Amino acid sequence: MVRGLRQRMVGLRVDVTPLRTSRDFRLLFVAGSVFYLGAMVSYVALPYQIYQLTGSNFAVGAIGLVEVVPLVVFGLYGGALADHVDRRKMLVATGVAQAGLTAVLLVNATLSEPQIWVIYLVAALLSVAQSLQRPSREALIPRVVRHHELPAAVSLSSLGMQIGMLTGPAIGGLLLTSAGISWAYALDVVALVVATVLFTALRSYPPTDVSTPPSVAGIVEGIRYAAGRKDLLGTYVIDMVAMFMAMPTVLFPAFAGDVLDEPAMLGLLYTAGGIGTLAATLTSGWTARFPHHGRAVVISAAAWGAAVGLAGLSPNAWVAVFFFSVAGAADMISGIFRSTIWHQTIPDEKRGRLAGIEMLSYSLGPLGGQVRAGLVADLTSVRASIVSGGILCVVGVTATGTALREFWRYDSRTDEHATRERDVRAARNLL
């Protein structure tokens, strides 16, 4: 019995094979960890600074409004570029741009009267740079590891992200209360510079022979391909519904300070999701052996909403941290299965454009959710906004999963697109 239990525990551990077999995956892993550490420090500092300057939850949520148009336009265009240019060059160029823009936030924070319009403008421009970069970064993963290693690569990529997301908010919270907002932005600038230097060490990844120059027609072709596949459509819609209905992060400053009367716990509230996602990632070995990816996404997305709703009812910050951790774990499981579907079934010549669409699907939901949460909180209360969002998430995800029966029945062993990609990569003797 003990031996069997030990074997099952070993089977839960995250598979680190891609880190051993691929130099470029190691670079992407380290760069991503550093990148997200800095990004999450700014993620805490930006809403905190706006709330301090305005005292308005809606003003904090309005960050999403200024980011949404650049995200849509340049996310799609960045995906088309990722299919036509050297993806390493895209990572380097956009990394330099993000470091420069974050430096502007740093300078603004040092002023005696920081300008709110500068924060919104830079947030919009950062959205442009990030939207151009992310499709190329995501589209690189299938190029640097073997096809059968993709589930492990997805989990490890998530682990690198969670290392940054777990430590970043805690560091950001400490810097905000002890050193000041400018130090938080300064740390992000350093992290962006380090990540960009690591990107320069990657091998060149030029486009395939069948790539075409970026064009509206090419973008439309990618959208039609995504919409025509119910398995892909399910990954987009489920996540957008879940995030739009139950994205409480924008309310954390008010929730910690005004509702729970524990402002010192703000950093832990931001970190809670990272704790759950890290735990889910470290025990993600089972995901490579579970072929029913569609139902895993639906169930975990509904669990995210339920946990967020319960967090909103919490009597104190520690209970809230627990439920937000559970929510983070559920969201991570959903993300692992969604990413595996994408990486294992999409042809490389379309991978950039589809990565752009994917970025929109998991970015538009949270951005819209921030606006919804802030508006509902100002109209009712912070607690009502969080709880109602969780309830609406469970209802919306359940209804969407019921409507998309093909997605619910997705099986990675028999899906025609997953089978085709396995055969294509084997025939080309690709990684």
Protein backbone atom coordinates (compact mmCIF):
# COMPACT_ATOMS: atom_id res chain seq x y z
CA MET A 1 0.00 0.00 0.00
CA VAL A 2 2.80 2.41 0.92
CA ARG A 3 4.61 1.66 -2.34
CA GLY A 4 1.44 2.25 -4.35
CA LEU A 5 0.81 5.54 -2.56
CA ARG A 6 4.39 6.62 -3.22
CA GLN A 7 3.99 5.85 -6.93
CA ARG A 8 0.78 7.86 -7.11
CA MET A 9 2.45 10.80 -5.39
CA VAL A 10 5.35 10.63 -7.84
CA GLY A 11 2.84 10.63 -10.67
CA LEU A 12 1.45 13.94 -9.45
CA ARG A 13 4.77 15.77 -9.62
CA VAL A 14 5.29 18.23 -12.44
CA ASP A 15 7.30 16.71 -15.31
CA VAL A 16 10.58 18.62 -15.75
CA THR A 17 11.70 16.78 -18.91
CA PRO A 18 11.58 19.87 -21.18
CA LEU A 19 14.00 21.67 -18.88
CA ARG A 20 16.50 18.84 -19.37
CA THR A 21 16.07 18.37 -23.11
CA SER A 22 15.72 21.91 -24.49
CA ARG A 23 18.17 24.78 -23.92
CA ASP A 24 15.79 27.35 -25.43
CA PHE A 25 12.93 26.17 -23.25
CA ARG A 26 15.17 26.73 -20.23
CA LEU A 27 15.82 30.29 -21.41
CA LEU A 28 12.11 30.92 -21.93
CA PHE A 29 11.37 29.46 -18.50
CA VAL A 30 13.87 31.68 -16.66
CA ALA A 31 13.00 34.78 -18.69
CA GLY A 32 9.29 34.21 -18.07
CA SER A 33 9.83 33.82 -14.33
CA VAL A 34 11.79 37.08 -14.12
CA PHE A 35 9.38 38.88 -16.44
CA TYR A 36 6.32 37.96 -14.39
CA LEU A 37 8.01 38.79 -11.10
CA GLY A 38 8.53 42.37 -12.24
CA ALA A 39 5.15 42.56 -13.95
CA MET A 40 3.30 41.48 -10.82
CA VAL A 41 5.10 44.09 -8.72
CA SER A 42 3.75 46.75 -11.10
CA TYR A 43 0.41 44.92 -11.17
CA VAL A 44 0.09 45.71 -7.46
CA ALA A 45 1.58 49.20 -7.70
CA LEU A 46 -0.52 50.51 -10.58
CA PRO A 47 -4.03 50.07 -9.08
CA TYR A 48 -2.69 51.05 -5.66
CA GLN A 49 -1.33 54.32 -7.03
CA ILE A 50 -4.54 55.13 -8.90
CA TYR A 51 -6.68 54.35 -5.85
CA GLN A 52 -4.45 56.55 -3.70
CA LEU A 53 -4.75 59.41 -6.19
CA THR A 54 -8.50 59.13 -6.86
CA GLY A 55 -10.19 57.05 -4.13
CA SER A 56 -12.40 55.53 -6.85
CA ASN A 57 -12.83 51.82 -7.59
CA PHE A 58 -14.11 52.70 -11.05
CA ALA A 59 -10.97 54.73 -11.75
CA VAL A 60 -8.92 51.64 -10.94
CA GLY A 61 -11.11 49.45 -13.12
CA ALA A 62 -10.83 52.00 -15.94
CA ILE A 63 -7.30 50.75 -16.54
CA GLY A 64 -9.03 47.95 -18.40
CA LEU A 65 -10.86 50.45 -20.61
CA VAL A 66 -7.65 52.11 -21.84
CA GLU A 67 -6.00 48.73 -22.42
CA VAL A 68 -8.78 46.99 -24.30
CA VAL A 69 -8.50 48.66 -27.75
CA PRO A 70 -4.70 48.24 -28.03
CA LEU A 71 -5.14 44.67 -26.83
CA VAL A 72 -7.64 43.80 -29.54
CA VAL A 73 -5.89 45.60 -32.42
CA PHE A 74 -2.30 44.76 -31.63
CA GLY A 75 -3.04 41.32 -30.22
CA LEU A 76 -4.40 40.24 -33.59
CA TYR A 77 -1.67 42.06 -35.50
CA GLY A 78 1.01 40.69 -33.18
CA GLY A 79 -0.26 37.19 -33.87
CA ALA A 80 -0.01 37.78 -37.62
CA LEU A 81 3.53 39.14 -37.17
CA ALA A 82 4.50 36.08 -35.13
CA ASP A 83 3.72 33.90 -38.17
CA HIS A 84 5.85 36.04 -40.48
CA VAL A 85 8.93 37.32 -38.58
CA ASP A 86 11.66 35.85 -36.43
CA ARG A 87 9.94 35.29 -33.10
CA ARG A 88 13.13 35.89 -31.12
CA LYS A 89 13.48 39.39 -32.61
CA MET A 90 9.90 40.18 -31.65
CA LEU A 91 10.56 39.20 -28.04
CA VAL A 92 13.66 41.39 -27.84
CA ALA A 93 12.14 44.47 -29.50
CA THR A 94 8.97 44.43 -27.42
CA GLY A 95 10.95 43.74 -24.25
CA VAL A 96 12.99 46.89 -24.81
CA ALA A 97 9.78 48.88 -25.37
CA GLN A 98 8.21 47.62 -22.14
CA ALA A 99 11.31 48.47 -20.11
CA GLY A 100 11.29 52.02 -21.50
CA LEU A 101 7.59 52.55 -20.83
CA THR A 102 7.81 51.24 -17.28
CA ALA A 103 10.68 53.67 -16.72
CA VAL A 104 8.21 56.46 -17.55
CA LEU A 105 5.92 55.21 -14.76
CA LEU A 106 8.94 55.28 -12.46
CA VAL A 107 9.74 58.90 -13.32
CA ASN A 108 6.09 59.93 -12.93
CA ALA A 109 5.92 58.28 -9.50
CA THR A 110 8.85 60.35 -8.28
CA LEU A 111 7.04 63.64 -9.02
CA SER A 112 5.54 65.61 -6.15
CA GLU A 113 2.19 65.36 -7.96
CA PRO A 114 2.09 62.23 -10.17
CA GLN A 115 -0.08 62.74 -13.24
CA ILE A 116 -3.00 60.34 -13.60
CA TRP A 117 -3.15 60.85 -17.38
CA VAL A 118 0.44 59.65 -17.69
CA ILE A 119 -0.47 56.41 -15.91
CA TYR A 120 -3.40 55.76 -18.25
CA LEU A 121 -1.36 56.64 -21.35
CA VAL A 122 1.53 54.38 -20.40
CA ALA A 123 -0.90 51.59 -19.48
CA ALA A 124 -2.33 51.81 -23.01
CA LEU A 125 1.14 51.79 -24.62
CA LEU A 126 2.26 48.88 -22.44
CA SER A 127 -0.82 47.04 -23.65
CA VAL A 128 0.41 47.59 -27.22
CA ALA A 129 3.90 46.22 -26.47
CA GLN A 130 2.61 43.26 -24.48
CA SER A 131 0.04 42.43 -27.16
CA LEU A 132 2.76 42.37 -29.81
CA GLN A 133 5.06 40.24 -27.67
CA ARG A 134 2.87 37.54 -26.18
CA PRO A 135 1.80 35.75 -29.39
CA SER A 136 5.44 35.24 -30.36
CA ARG A 137 6.31 33.96 -26.90
CA GLU A 138 3.40 31.54 -26.83
CA ALA A 139 3.99 30.39 -30.42
CA LEU A 140 7.60 29.49 -29.58
CA ILE A 141 6.73 26.74 -27.11
CA PRO A 142 5.74 24.11 -29.71
CA ARG A 143 8.96 24.93 -31.61
CA VAL A 144 11.34 24.29 -28.72
CA VAL A 145 10.01 20.99 -27.28
CA ARG A 146 8.83 17.65 -28.62
CA HIS A 147 5.11 17.10 -29.26
CA HIS A 148 4.70 14.57 -26.44
CA GLU A 149 6.46 16.99 -24.06
CA LEU A 150 3.92 19.77 -24.64
CA PRO A 151 1.72 19.03 -21.58
CA ALA A 152 4.84 19.14 -19.38
CA ALA A 153 6.06 22.31 -21.16
CA VAL A 154 2.70 23.99 -20.54
CA SER A 155 2.84 23.11 -16.84
CA LEU A 156 6.44 24.27 -16.51
CA SER A 157 5.72 27.52 -18.33
CA SER A 158 2.89 28.07 -15.89
CA LEU A 159 5.23 27.23 -13.01
CA GLY A 160 7.72 29.87 -14.16
CA MET A 161 4.90 32.37 -14.43
CA GLN A 162 3.59 31.46 -10.99
CA ILE A 163 7.01 31.84 -9.37
CA GLY A 164 6.89 35.45 -10.50
CA MET A 165 3.21 35.89 -9.73
CA LEU A 166 3.60 34.41 -6.25
CA THR A 167 6.62 36.43 -5.19
CA GLY A 168 5.85 39.61 -7.16
CA PRO A 169 2.72 40.73 -5.29
CA ALA A 170 4.32 40.02 -1.91
CA ILE A 171 7.40 42.04 -2.86
CA GLY A 172 5.20 44.74 -4.35
CA GLY A 173 3.12 45.00 -1.19
CA LEU A 174 6.24 45.32 0.94
CA LEU A 175 7.76 47.94 -1.34
CA LEU A 176 4.56 49.99 -1.41
CA THR A 177 4.28 50.13 2.37
CA SER A 178 7.97 50.49 3.21
CA ALA A 179 9.83 52.11 0.30
CA GLY A 180 7.23 53.68 -1.97
CA ILE A 181 5.63 53.24 -5.38
CA SER A 182 8.69 54.33 -7.36
CA TRP A 183 10.73 51.42 -6.00
CA ALA A 184 8.09 48.98 -7.25
CA TYR A 185 8.34 50.37 -10.78
CA ALA A 186 12.16 50.37 -10.56
CA LEU A 187 12.16 46.64 -9.79
CA ASP A 188 9.92 45.99 -12.80
CA VAL A 189 12.33 47.90 -15.07
CA VAL A 190 15.24 45.75 -13.87
CA ALA A 191 13.25 42.54 -14.39
CA LEU A 192 12.27 43.55 -17.92
CA VAL A 193 15.90 44.28 -18.82
CA VAL A 194 17.04 40.89 -17.49
CA ALA A 195 14.28 39.01 -19.34
CA THR A 196 15.07 40.83 -22.59
CA VAL A 197 18.77 39.94 -22.32
CA LEU A 198 17.78 36.28 -21.91
CA PHE A 199 15.58 36.52 -25.02
CA THR A 200 18.61 37.64 -27.02
CA ALA A 201 20.32 34.32 -26.19
CA LEU A 202 17.60 32.27 -27.94
CA ARG A 203 18.20 30.67 -31.30
CA SER A 204 16.65 32.32 -34.33
CA TYR A 205 13.11 31.11 -35.10
CA PRO A 206 12.23 32.32 -38.61
CA PRO A 207 8.76 31.66 -40.09
CA THR A 208 7.92 28.48 -41.98
CA ASP A 209 7.98 28.28 -45.78
CA VAL A 210 4.20 28.61 -45.99
CA SER A 211 3.97 31.81 -43.92
CA THR A 212 2.39 34.91 -45.45
CA PRO A 213 2.93 38.62 -44.71
CA PRO A 214 0.64 40.15 -42.05
CA SER A 215 -2.66 41.24 -43.58
CA VAL A 216 -6.28 41.72 -42.70
CA ALA A 217 -7.11 38.68 -44.85
CA GLY A 218 -4.62 36.56 -42.92
CA ILE A 219 -6.04 37.71 -39.58
CA VAL A 220 -9.58 36.97 -40.78
CA GLU A 221 -8.45 33.53 -41.91
CA GLY A 222 -7.11 32.83 -38.42
CA ILE A 223 -10.36 34.01 -36.81
CA ARG A 224 -12.42 31.81 -39.12
CA TYR A 225 -10.21 28.83 -38.34
CA ALA A 226 -10.61 29.39 -34.60
CA ALA A 227 -14.38 29.93 -34.81
CA GLY A 228 -14.80 26.88 -37.04
CA ARG A 229 -13.28 24.53 -34.48
CA LYS A 230 -15.62 23.90 -31.55
CA ASP A 231 -12.77 22.64 -29.37
CA LEU A 232 -10.90 25.93 -29.75
CA LEU A 233 -14.09 28.00 -29.45
CA GLY A 234 -14.84 26.30 -26.15
CA THR A 235 -11.46 27.21 -24.69
CA TYR A 236 -12.02 30.89 -25.55
CA VAL A 237 -15.63 31.29 -24.50
CA ILE A 238 -15.42 29.39 -21.20
CA ASP A 239 -12.47 31.43 -19.99
CA MET A 240 -13.94 34.76 -21.11
CA VAL A 241 -17.22 34.04 -19.30
CA ALA A 242 -15.42 32.97 -16.12
CA MET A 243 -13.08 35.95 -16.02
CA PHE A 244 -15.66 38.57 -16.98
CA MET A 245 -18.06 37.43 -14.28
CA ALA A 246 -15.61 36.74 -11.45
CA MET A 247 -12.44 38.83 -11.68
CA PRO A 248 -12.12 40.42 -8.20
CA THR A 249 -8.50 41.64 -8.29
CA VAL A 250 -9.33 45.28 -8.95
CA LEU A 251 -11.27 45.36 -5.67
CA PHE A 252 -8.44 44.06 -3.48
CA PRO A 253 -7.29 47.49 -2.19
CA ALA A 254 -10.84 48.36 -1.07
CA PHE A 255 -11.59 44.80 0.10
CA ALA A 256 -8.51 44.66 2.33
CA GLY A 257 -8.71 48.20 3.69
CA ASP A 258 -12.39 49.14 3.79
CA VAL A 259 -14.24 45.80 4.08
CA LEU A 260 -11.91 43.57 6.08
CA ASP A 261 -10.16 46.47 7.82
CA GLU A 262 -6.81 44.74 7.32
CA PRO A 263 -4.87 46.88 4.81
CA ALA A 264 -1.60 45.15 5.69
CA MET A 265 -3.04 41.96 4.14
CA LEU A 266 -3.27 43.52 0.66
CA GLY A 267 -0.10 41.84 -0.55
CA LEU A 268 -1.35 38.44 0.65
CA LEU A 269 -4.64 38.89 -1.18
CA TYR A 270 -2.70 39.43 -4.40
CA THR A 271 -0.45 36.48 -3.58
CA ALA A 272 -3.27 34.08 -2.70
CA GLY A 273 -4.08 33.17 -6.29
CA GLY A 274 -0.41 32.51 -6.92
CA ILE A 275 -0.26 30.12 -3.96
CA GLY A 276 -3.10 28.08 -5.43
CA THR A 277 -1.75 28.11 -8.95
CA LEU A 278 1.69 27.07 -7.74
CA ALA A 279 0.22 24.15 -5.79
CA ALA A 280 -1.82 23.08 -8.81
CA THR A 281 1.21 23.31 -11.09
CA LEU A 282 3.53 21.36 -8.78
CA THR A 283 0.96 18.53 -8.69
CA SER A 284 0.10 18.72 -12.41
CA GLY A 285 1.70 15.42 -13.46
CA TRP A 286 -1.75 13.84 -13.71
CA THR A 287 -2.86 16.29 -16.42
CA ALA A 288 -0.72 14.56 -19.07
CA ARG A 289 -2.65 11.35 -18.44
CA PHE A 290 -6.15 12.86 -18.44
CA PRO A 291 -7.42 13.01 -22.05
CA HIS A 292 -10.80 14.67 -21.44
CA HIS A 293 -9.52 18.21 -21.69
CA GLY A 294 -12.85 19.89 -22.43
CA ARG A 295 -14.66 18.74 -19.33
CA ALA A 296 -11.60 19.56 -17.20
CA VAL A 297 -11.77 23.17 -18.44
CA VAL A 298 -15.50 23.48 -17.73
CA ILE A 299 -15.35 21.98 -14.24
CA SER A 300 -12.31 23.95 -13.13
CA ALA A 301 -13.72 27.24 -14.50
CA ALA A 302 -16.93 26.71 -12.51
CA ALA A 303 -14.84 25.89 -9.42
CA TRP A 304 -13.00 29.20 -9.90
CA GLY A 305 -16.29 31.11 -9.71
CA ALA A 306 -17.51 29.18 -6.68
CA ALA A 307 -14.28 29.87 -4.77
CA VAL A 308 -14.33 33.59 -5.64
CA GLY A 309 -17.92 33.86 -4.42
CA LEU A 310 -17.02 32.20 -1.12
CA ALA A 311 -14.01 34.50 -0.74
CA GLY A 312 -16.36 37.47 -0.99
CA LEU A 313 -18.28 36.13 2.02
CA SER A 314 -15.13 35.74 4.13
CA PRO A 315 -15.27 37.18 7.67
CA ASN A 316 -11.54 37.94 7.71
CA ALA A 317 -8.54 38.19 5.40
CA TRP A 318 -7.14 34.73 6.16
CA VAL A 319 -10.35 32.99 5.08
CA ALA A 320 -10.36 35.16 1.94
CA VAL A 321 -6.76 34.18 1.21
CA PHE A 322 -7.71 30.50 1.48
CA PHE A 323 -10.61 30.75 -0.97
CA PHE A 324 -8.67 32.93 -3.40
CA SER A 325 -5.95 30.26 -3.29
CA VAL A 326 -8.52 27.61 -4.20
CA ALA A 327 -9.71 29.85 -7.02
CA GLY A 328 -6.14 30.22 -8.28
CA ALA A 329 -5.66 26.44 -8.31
CA ALA A 330 -8.86 25.94 -10.30
CA ASP A 331 -7.89 28.63 -12.80
CA MET A 332 -4.46 27.03 -13.24
CA ILE A 333 -5.94 23.63 -14.04
CA SER A 334 -8.21 25.24 -16.61
CA GLY A 335 -5.23 27.08 -18.10
CA ILE A 336 -3.09 23.94 -18.38
CA PHE A 337 -5.75 22.07 -20.33
CA ARG A 338 -6.61 25.03 -22.55
CA SER A 339 -2.97 25.60 -23.44
CA THR A 340 -2.41 21.91 -24.14
CA ILE A 341 -5.32 21.89 -26.58
CA TRP A 342 -3.86 24.92 -28.34
CA HIS A 343 -0.28 23.69 -28.55
CA GLN A 344 -1.11 20.12 -29.56
CA THR A 345 -3.66 20.84 -32.27
CA ILE A 346 -2.80 24.11 -34.10
CA PRO A 347 -0.47 24.02 -37.17
CA ASP A 348 2.72 26.06 -36.77
CA GLU A 349 1.93 28.31 -39.74
CA LYS A 350 -1.22 29.45 -37.89
CA ARG A 351 0.22 29.32 -34.38
CA GLY A 352 1.05 33.02 -34.10
CA ARG A 353 -2.34 34.24 -35.28
CA LEU A 354 -4.12 31.80 -33.01
CA ALA A 355 -1.87 32.81 -30.12
CA GLY A 356 -3.06 36.38 -30.71
CA ILE A 357 -6.67 35.24 -30.54
CA GLU A 358 -5.91 33.22 -27.41
CA MET A 359 -4.36 36.27 -25.80
CA LEU A 360 -7.53 38.22 -26.48
CA SER A 361 -9.66 35.46 -24.99
CA TYR A 362 -7.78 35.35 -21.69
CA SER A 363 -7.18 39.11 -21.55
CA LEU A 364 -10.51 40.61 -22.59
CA GLY A 365 -12.37 38.64 -19.93
CA PRO A 366 -10.25 39.94 -17.03
CA LEU A 367 -10.18 43.48 -18.43
CA GLY A 368 -13.93 43.53 -18.81
CA GLY A 369 -14.23 41.85 -15.43
CA GLN A 370 -12.24 44.65 -13.81
CA VAL A 371 -14.64 47.23 -15.19
CA ARG A 372 -17.68 45.16 -14.17
CA ALA A 373 -16.34 44.58 -10.66
CA GLY A 374 -15.45 48.23 -10.09
CA LEU A 375 -18.79 49.51 -11.42
CA VAL A 376 -20.89 47.03 -9.41
CA ALA A 377 -18.84 47.77 -6.29
CA ASP A 378 -19.46 51.51 -6.62
CA LEU A 379 -23.19 50.94 -7.27
CA THR A 380 -23.65 48.39 -4.46
CA SER A 381 -20.71 47.30 -2.31
CA VAL A 382 -17.34 45.61 -2.68
CA ARG A 383 -18.56 42.41 -1.03
CA ALA A 384 -21.71 42.27 -3.19
CA SER A 385 -19.62 42.70 -6.33
CA ILE A 386 -17.33 39.78 -5.48
CA VAL A 387 -20.10 37.40 -4.38
CA SER A 388 -22.44 38.15 -7.28
CA GLY A 389 -19.56 37.70 -9.72
CA GLY A 390 -18.82 34.24 -8.38
CA ILE A 391 -22.45 33.18 -8.68
CA LEU A 392 -22.76 34.53 -12.22
CA CYS A 393 -19.55 32.73 -13.18
CA VAL A 394 -20.84 29.32 -12.08
CA VAL A 395 -24.13 29.86 -13.91
CA GLY A 396 -22.48 31.20 -17.07
CA VAL A 397 -19.81 28.50 -17.32
CA THR A 398 -22.35 25.73 -16.74
CA ALA A 399 -24.63 27.12 -19.44
CA THR A 400 -21.74 27.52 -21.90
CA GLY A 401 -20.45 24.00 -21.28
CA THR A 402 -23.94 22.62 -21.81
CA ALA A 403 -24.29 24.48 -25.11
CA LEU A 404 -20.86 23.39 -26.41
CA ARG A 405 -21.30 19.64 -26.16
CA GLU A 406 -18.48 18.93 -28.63
CA PHE A 407 -16.06 20.75 -26.40
CA TRP A 408 -17.24 18.80 -23.37
CA ARG A 409 -16.55 15.54 -25.27
CA TYR A 410 -13.04 16.53 -26.44
CA ASP A 411 -10.57 13.62 -26.12
CA SER A 412 -6.88 14.24 -26.91
CA ARG A 413 -6.38 10.58 -27.91
CA THR A 414 -8.90 10.65 -30.73
CA ASP A 415 -9.33 14.31 -31.72
CA GLU A 416 -8.62 14.66 -35.43
CA HIS A 417 -6.54 17.83 -35.05
CA ALA A 418 -4.35 16.43 -32.27
CA THR A 419 -3.82 13.24 -34.27
CA ARG A 420 -2.90 15.20 -37.40
CA GLU A 421 -0.32 17.33 -35.60
CA ARG A 422 1.29 14.26 -34.05
CA ASP A 423 1.59 12.69 -37.51
CA VAL A 424 2.91 15.89 -39.13
CA ARG A 425 5.61 16.41 -36.54
CA ALA A 426 6.64 12.76 -36.73
CA ALA A 427 6.87 12.91 -40.52
CA ARG A 428 8.99 16.10 -40.42
CA ASN A 429 11.13 14.71 -37.59
CA LEU A 430 10.44 17.86 -35.60
CA LEU A 431 11.13 18.25 -31.91
